[in-house]
Amino acid sequence: MIEDIELETLINDIYEYYGFDFGSYSRASLKRRVNRIYQLDGFKNFYEFLSKVRYDPEYYKNMIDEITVNVTEMFRDPAFYKVVRNEILPQLAPKPFIRLWHAGCSTGEEVYSMAIMLREAGLLHKSIIYATDINSKVLETAKKGIFPLRMMKEYSENYRDSGGQEDFSSYYIANYGIAKFNEELAEKMVFSQHNLVSDNSFNEFDFILCRNVLIYFDNNLQKRVINLFDESLSILGFLALGTKETIKYSISTTKYKQLEKEKVWRKIK
C-alpha cells in the first residue's frame, strides 16, 4: 500500500516529468486508484514504482488512462433522463441549432443515450454533441459506438424507465457478443480530448452535461470547472451534474434556477 507522503511524491513527480497536474484531485479517490495499479503490477516497493513512472513514458501513459477512467452506463439514473426527455428537450426544441457538451464522457454510453433521446424528440438532425474526456483510450472506445452485448438487457430497462417507447434493439446491430450502435447517431458526435483541469472553453453550448466527474476533484478545482461551464453556457442553457454534485459553493446561484428534483440548473442571466 502507498503512504500519503508517497502519493504526494508521485503527484509532484508526474507534474515535474510530464506536466500533468493531479494536485487538485480528491486524495482518497486518487490513492485508491493508484494503490490498485501498484498492487496489480506487483511492485516490491514504492521507489521501484516511482522510477517506472518517471522513466517509462509508455507505462506512465497507461497508468494515467487507468486512473482517469470513469465508470458509466447507458441511461444512467433513468429519472434524470426522464427530466431531459420531458422538460429540457422541449425547451431546446425551438432553437435553430442545438449544441451539447458532454464533459468527461468516458466510454460514451451516455453520449449515445443522449443521441437516442434527441432522435426521438425529432431534434438530432439539428444537434451536435461535443463529447470530451482527458483519457484518449476511452475516447477511442466511445468513437466506435461498440458496447458489450451482455449489458443491453440492463440498458434496455434503463431506457424504458427513462420513458423510452421504441424497441431499444433497433438502435444497434448485435454481433459476436457486441452491440454496434447506428452510424446515424455517431454522425452527430464530435469526440476530442479536453482536460477540465487546464483547458479553456471552446464554444457556447445550450446544454452541458458533466455527471459524476466533479466528485473526483477538490473544492478549488470544482469551482474552476463550474466557472468554465458557466462561461461556456448560453443564457437559458442547461447544466446537468451528478447526484452528489452541486454548483452551490462555486458560483452565484442567482444566475441559475434549479430544476425540481434533479441536479439540473438553468442559466437565467
Protein backbone atom coordinates (compact mmCIF):
# COMPACT_ATOMS: atom_id res chain seq x y z
CA MET A 1 0.00 0.00 0.00
CA ILE A 2 1.16 3.53 -0.78
CA GLU A 3 1.52 6.02 2.09
CA ASP A 4 0.08 9.56 1.89
CA ILE A 5 3.54 11.13 1.69
CA GLU A 6 4.45 8.77 -1.19
CA LEU A 7 1.30 9.78 -3.04
CA GLU A 8 2.40 13.44 -2.79
CA THR A 9 5.83 12.50 -4.17
CA LEU A 10 4.14 10.73 -7.08
CA ILE A 11 1.89 13.76 -7.78
CA ASN A 12 4.90 16.11 -7.76
CA ASP A 13 7.00 13.84 -9.97
CA ILE A 14 4.22 13.40 -12.54
CA TYR A 15 3.88 17.17 -12.74
CA GLU A 16 7.65 17.69 -12.96
CA TYR A 17 8.32 14.97 -15.56
CA TYR A 18 5.15 15.14 -17.67
CA GLY A 19 3.39 18.41 -16.80
CA PHE A 20 0.20 16.60 -15.76
CA ASP A 21 -1.33 18.07 -12.59
CA PHE A 22 -3.09 15.71 -10.19
CA GLY A 23 -2.70 18.31 -7.42
CA SER A 24 -6.41 19.19 -7.35
CA TYR A 25 -7.75 15.64 -7.46
CA SER A 26 -9.50 14.25 -4.40
CA ARG A 27 -6.76 12.38 -2.47
CA ALA A 28 -8.94 9.50 -1.26
CA SER A 29 -10.10 8.59 -4.76
CA LEU A 30 -6.64 9.05 -6.28
CA LYS A 31 -4.97 6.95 -3.59
CA ARG A 32 -7.46 4.13 -4.12
CA ARG A 33 -6.82 4.08 -7.87
CA VAL A 34 -3.02 4.33 -7.59
CA ASN A 35 -2.95 1.54 -5.00
CA ARG A 36 -4.95 -0.68 -7.31
CA ILE A 37 -2.37 -0.22 -10.12
CA TYR A 38 0.54 -0.62 -7.67
CA GLN A 39 -0.83 -3.97 -6.47
CA LEU A 40 -1.93 -5.28 -9.88
CA ASP A 41 1.51 -4.60 -11.38
CA GLY A 42 3.26 -6.30 -8.43
CA PHE A 43 5.82 -3.70 -7.40
CA LYS A 44 8.08 -4.64 -4.46
CA ASN A 45 8.35 -1.11 -3.13
CA PHE A 46 7.27 2.45 -3.88
CA TYR A 47 10.61 3.54 -5.38
CA GLU A 48 10.54 0.75 -7.95
CA PHE A 49 7.07 2.00 -8.95
CA LEU A 50 8.18 5.66 -8.97
CA SER A 51 11.16 5.05 -11.24
CA LYS A 52 8.97 3.04 -13.64
CA VAL A 53 6.59 6.04 -13.85
CA ARG A 54 9.47 8.51 -14.27
CA TYR A 55 11.48 6.70 -16.93
CA ASP A 56 8.94 4.67 -18.88
CA PRO A 57 6.62 7.10 -20.74
CA GLU A 58 4.54 4.23 -22.12
CA TYR A 59 3.90 2.90 -18.62
CA TYR A 60 3.08 6.42 -17.42
CA LYS A 61 0.54 6.87 -20.23
CA ASN A 62 -1.20 3.57 -19.41
CA MET A 63 -1.26 4.49 -15.74
CA ILE A 64 -2.95 7.84 -16.49
CA ASP A 65 -5.54 6.02 -18.61
CA GLU A 66 -6.23 3.61 -15.74
CA ILE A 67 -6.52 6.39 -13.15
CA THR A 68 -8.77 8.68 -15.18
CA VAL A 69 -11.33 6.15 -16.44
CA ASN A 70 -14.82 6.71 -15.02
CA VAL A 71 -17.50 4.05 -14.84
CA THR A 72 -20.65 4.76 -16.84
CA GLU A 73 -23.73 3.15 -18.36
CA MET A 74 -26.49 3.96 -20.85
CA PHE A 75 -29.40 5.97 -19.47
CA ARG A 76 -27.68 6.02 -16.07
CA ASP A 77 -30.18 7.28 -13.45
CA PRO A 78 -33.30 6.92 -15.64
CA ALA A 79 -35.14 9.60 -13.59
CA PHE A 80 -32.58 12.15 -14.83
CA TYR A 81 -33.18 11.14 -18.46
CA LYS A 82 -36.92 11.42 -17.90
CA VAL A 83 -36.38 15.09 -16.95
CA VAL A 84 -34.23 15.56 -20.07
CA ARG A 85 -36.92 13.98 -22.22
CA ASN A 86 -39.94 15.75 -20.72
CA GLU A 87 -38.60 19.11 -19.55
CA ILE A 88 -35.28 20.04 -21.13
CA LEU A 89 -35.54 18.93 -24.77
CA PRO A 90 -38.96 20.57 -25.30
CA GLN A 91 -37.39 23.89 -24.16
CA LEU A 92 -34.46 23.48 -26.56
CA ALA A 93 -36.67 22.37 -29.47
CA PRO A 94 -37.42 25.88 -30.87
CA LYS A 95 -33.70 26.63 -31.37
CA PRO A 96 -32.45 26.54 -34.98
CA PHE A 97 -29.37 24.58 -33.85
CA ILE A 98 -28.59 22.80 -30.56
CA ARG A 99 -25.08 22.42 -29.20
CA LEU A 100 -24.43 19.97 -26.37
CA TRP A 101 -21.23 19.31 -24.46
CA HIS A 102 -20.68 16.03 -22.66
CA ALA A 103 -17.64 16.72 -20.45
CA GLY A 104 -15.91 13.65 -19.05
CA CYS A 105 -17.83 11.39 -21.43
CA SER A 106 -15.73 8.29 -20.64
CA THR A 107 -16.52 5.34 -22.98
CA GLY A 108 -19.53 7.15 -24.47
CA GLU A 109 -22.57 5.26 -23.19
CA GLU A 110 -24.26 8.47 -22.03
CA VAL A 111 -23.42 10.26 -25.28
CA TYR A 112 -25.28 7.59 -27.26
CA SER A 113 -28.14 7.78 -24.73
CA MET A 114 -28.45 11.50 -25.43
CA ALA A 115 -28.32 10.99 -29.20
CA ILE A 116 -31.17 8.46 -28.93
CA MET A 117 -33.26 10.95 -26.95
CA LEU A 118 -32.57 13.74 -29.44
CA ARG A 119 -33.59 11.45 -32.28
CA GLU A 120 -36.84 10.51 -30.57
CA ALA A 121 -37.58 14.18 -29.92
CA GLY A 122 -37.02 14.89 -33.64
CA LEU A 123 -34.02 17.12 -32.82
CA LEU A 124 -30.98 15.04 -33.76
CA HIS A 125 -30.77 16.44 -37.31
CA LYS A 126 -30.13 19.94 -35.93
CA SER A 127 -27.95 18.99 -32.96
CA ILE A 128 -24.26 18.38 -32.40
CA ILE A 129 -22.83 16.67 -29.32
CA TYR A 130 -19.25 17.54 -28.38
CA ALA A 131 -18.01 14.66 -26.22
CA THR A 132 -14.74 15.20 -24.38
CA ASP A 133 -12.54 13.35 -21.93
CA ILE A 134 -8.98 13.62 -20.67
CA ASN A 135 -8.44 9.94 -21.40
CA SER A 136 -7.55 9.16 -25.02
CA LYS A 137 -8.16 5.43 -24.59
CA VAL A 138 -11.81 5.79 -23.58
CA LEU A 139 -12.41 8.22 -26.45
CA GLU A 140 -11.26 5.56 -28.92
CA THR A 141 -13.86 3.20 -27.45
CA ALA A 142 -16.55 5.89 -27.49
CA LYS A 143 -15.92 6.75 -31.16
CA LYS A 144 -16.58 3.14 -32.20
CA GLY A 145 -20.01 3.01 -30.54
CA ILE A 146 -19.43 -0.63 -29.63
CA PHE A 147 -20.57 -1.90 -26.23
CA PRO A 148 -20.82 -5.38 -24.66
CA LEU A 149 -23.97 -7.18 -25.76
CA ARG A 150 -24.44 -8.59 -22.23
CA MET A 151 -25.16 -5.03 -21.00
CA MET A 152 -28.06 -4.48 -23.40
CA LYS A 153 -30.71 -6.05 -21.18
CA GLU A 154 -29.88 -3.63 -18.37
CA TYR A 155 -29.55 -0.66 -20.76
CA SER A 156 -32.87 -1.53 -22.34
CA GLU A 157 -34.52 -1.45 -18.90
CA ASN A 158 -32.89 1.90 -18.14
CA TYR A 159 -34.14 3.17 -21.49
CA ARG A 160 -37.71 2.11 -20.74
CA ASP A 161 -37.54 3.56 -17.20
CA SER A 162 -36.44 6.87 -18.74
CA GLY A 163 -39.64 6.98 -20.81
CA GLY A 164 -38.34 5.31 -23.98
CA GLN A 165 -41.12 3.88 -26.15
CA GLU A 166 -39.24 2.38 -29.11
CA ASP A 167 -37.72 -1.05 -29.47
CA PHE A 168 -34.27 -0.41 -27.96
CA SER A 169 -32.65 -3.16 -30.03
CA SER A 170 -33.46 -1.24 -33.21
CA TYR A 171 -30.63 1.18 -32.29
CA TYR A 172 -27.82 -1.37 -32.60
CA ILE A 173 -26.67 -4.42 -34.52
CA ALA A 174 -25.72 -7.44 -32.38
CA ASN A 175 -22.72 -9.46 -33.47
CA TYR A 176 -20.33 -11.84 -31.65
CA GLY A 177 -21.09 -10.58 -28.15
CA ILE A 178 -21.00 -6.89 -29.07
CA ALA A 179 -23.62 -4.27 -29.86
CA LYS A 180 -22.67 -1.72 -32.51
CA PHE A 181 -24.82 1.40 -32.39
CA ASN A 182 -26.19 3.00 -35.56
CA GLU A 183 -23.99 5.35 -37.57
CA GLU A 184 -26.87 7.82 -37.74
CA LEU A 185 -26.28 8.55 -34.03
CA ALA A 186 -22.48 8.81 -34.31
CA GLU A 187 -22.70 11.28 -37.21
CA LYS A 188 -23.83 13.95 -34.77
CA MET A 189 -20.94 13.46 -32.32
CA VAL A 190 -17.53 15.09 -32.17
CA PHE A 191 -15.09 13.35 -29.82
CA SER A 192 -11.97 15.12 -28.60
CA GLN A 193 -9.50 15.21 -25.75
CA HIS A 194 -10.09 18.01 -23.22
CA ASN A 195 -8.62 18.46 -19.76
CA LEU A 196 -11.02 20.13 -17.32
CA VAL A 197 -8.07 20.91 -15.03
CA SER A 198 -6.15 23.05 -17.52
CA ASP A 199 -8.06 23.62 -20.79
CA ASN A 200 -10.38 26.51 -21.57
CA SER A 201 -13.84 26.88 -23.04
CA PHE A 202 -14.07 26.09 -26.76
CA ASN A 203 -17.65 27.01 -27.73
CA GLU A 204 -21.02 28.18 -26.46
CA PHE A 205 -23.49 25.44 -25.55
CA ASP A 206 -27.21 25.06 -24.89
CA PHE A 207 -26.79 22.01 -22.69
CA ILE A 208 -23.70 20.89 -20.74
CA LEU A 209 -23.55 17.52 -19.00
CA CYS A 210 -20.78 16.55 -16.60
CA ARG A 211 -22.13 13.82 -14.38
CA ASN A 212 -20.09 12.13 -11.65
CA VAL A 213 -16.76 13.70 -12.62
CA LEU A 214 -16.52 16.58 -10.11
CA ILE A 215 -16.65 14.15 -7.18
CA TYR A 216 -13.02 13.27 -8.03
CA PHE A 217 -11.87 16.91 -7.70
CA ASP A 218 -11.16 19.07 -4.66
CA ASN A 219 -13.22 22.22 -3.92
CA ASN A 220 -10.94 24.65 -5.77
CA LEU A 221 -10.92 22.59 -8.93
CA GLN A 222 -14.69 22.09 -8.71
CA LYS A 223 -15.03 25.89 -8.62
CA ARG A 224 -12.76 26.27 -11.63
CA VAL A 225 -14.72 23.70 -13.64
CA ILE A 226 -18.14 25.14 -12.72
CA ASN A 227 -16.91 28.57 -13.82
CA LEU A 228 -15.63 27.07 -17.06
CA PHE A 229 -19.12 25.63 -17.65
CA ASP A 230 -20.69 28.96 -16.79
CA GLU A 231 -18.51 30.70 -19.41
CA SER A 232 -19.47 28.02 -21.93
CA LEU A 233 -23.22 28.02 -21.34
CA SER A 234 -25.61 30.24 -23.27
CA ILE A 235 -28.31 32.20 -21.45
CA LEU A 236 -31.28 29.88 -20.79
CA GLY A 237 -28.96 26.90 -21.33
CA PHE A 238 -28.97 23.88 -19.00
CA LEU A 239 -26.21 22.37 -16.85
CA ALA A 240 -26.50 18.80 -15.53
CA LEU A 241 -24.27 17.36 -12.80
CA GLY A 242 -24.13 14.02 -10.96
CA THR A 243 -26.32 13.09 -8.00
CA LYS A 244 -23.72 14.10 -5.36
CA GLU A 245 -22.63 17.31 -7.13
CA THR A 246 -23.76 20.94 -6.91
CA ILE A 247 -22.97 24.44 -8.20
CA LYS A 248 -23.96 25.93 -4.83
CA TYR A 249 -20.49 26.77 -3.48
CA SER A 250 -18.89 27.63 -6.81
CA ILE A 251 -20.92 30.37 -8.42
CA SER A 252 -23.62 32.93 -7.68
CA THR A 253 -26.80 30.86 -7.63
CA THR A 254 -28.88 33.92 -8.54
CA LYS A 255 -27.70 33.30 -12.12
CA TYR A 256 -29.26 29.83 -12.08
CA LYS A 257 -32.59 28.23 -11.35
CA GLN A 258 -32.53 24.59 -10.26
CA LEU A 259 -34.99 22.22 -11.86
CA GLU A 260 -37.07 20.35 -9.35
CA LYS A 261 -35.79 17.01 -8.03
CA GLU A 262 -32.80 16.67 -10.37
CA LYS A 263 -29.24 18.03 -10.41
CA VAL A 264 -30.01 20.29 -13.35
CA TRP A 265 -29.72 24.09 -13.39
CA ARG A 266 -30.91 26.59 -15.96
CA LYS A 267 -28.87 29.74 -16.53
CA ILE A 268 -31.25 32.68 -16.23
CA LYS A 269 -28.84 35.61 -16.51
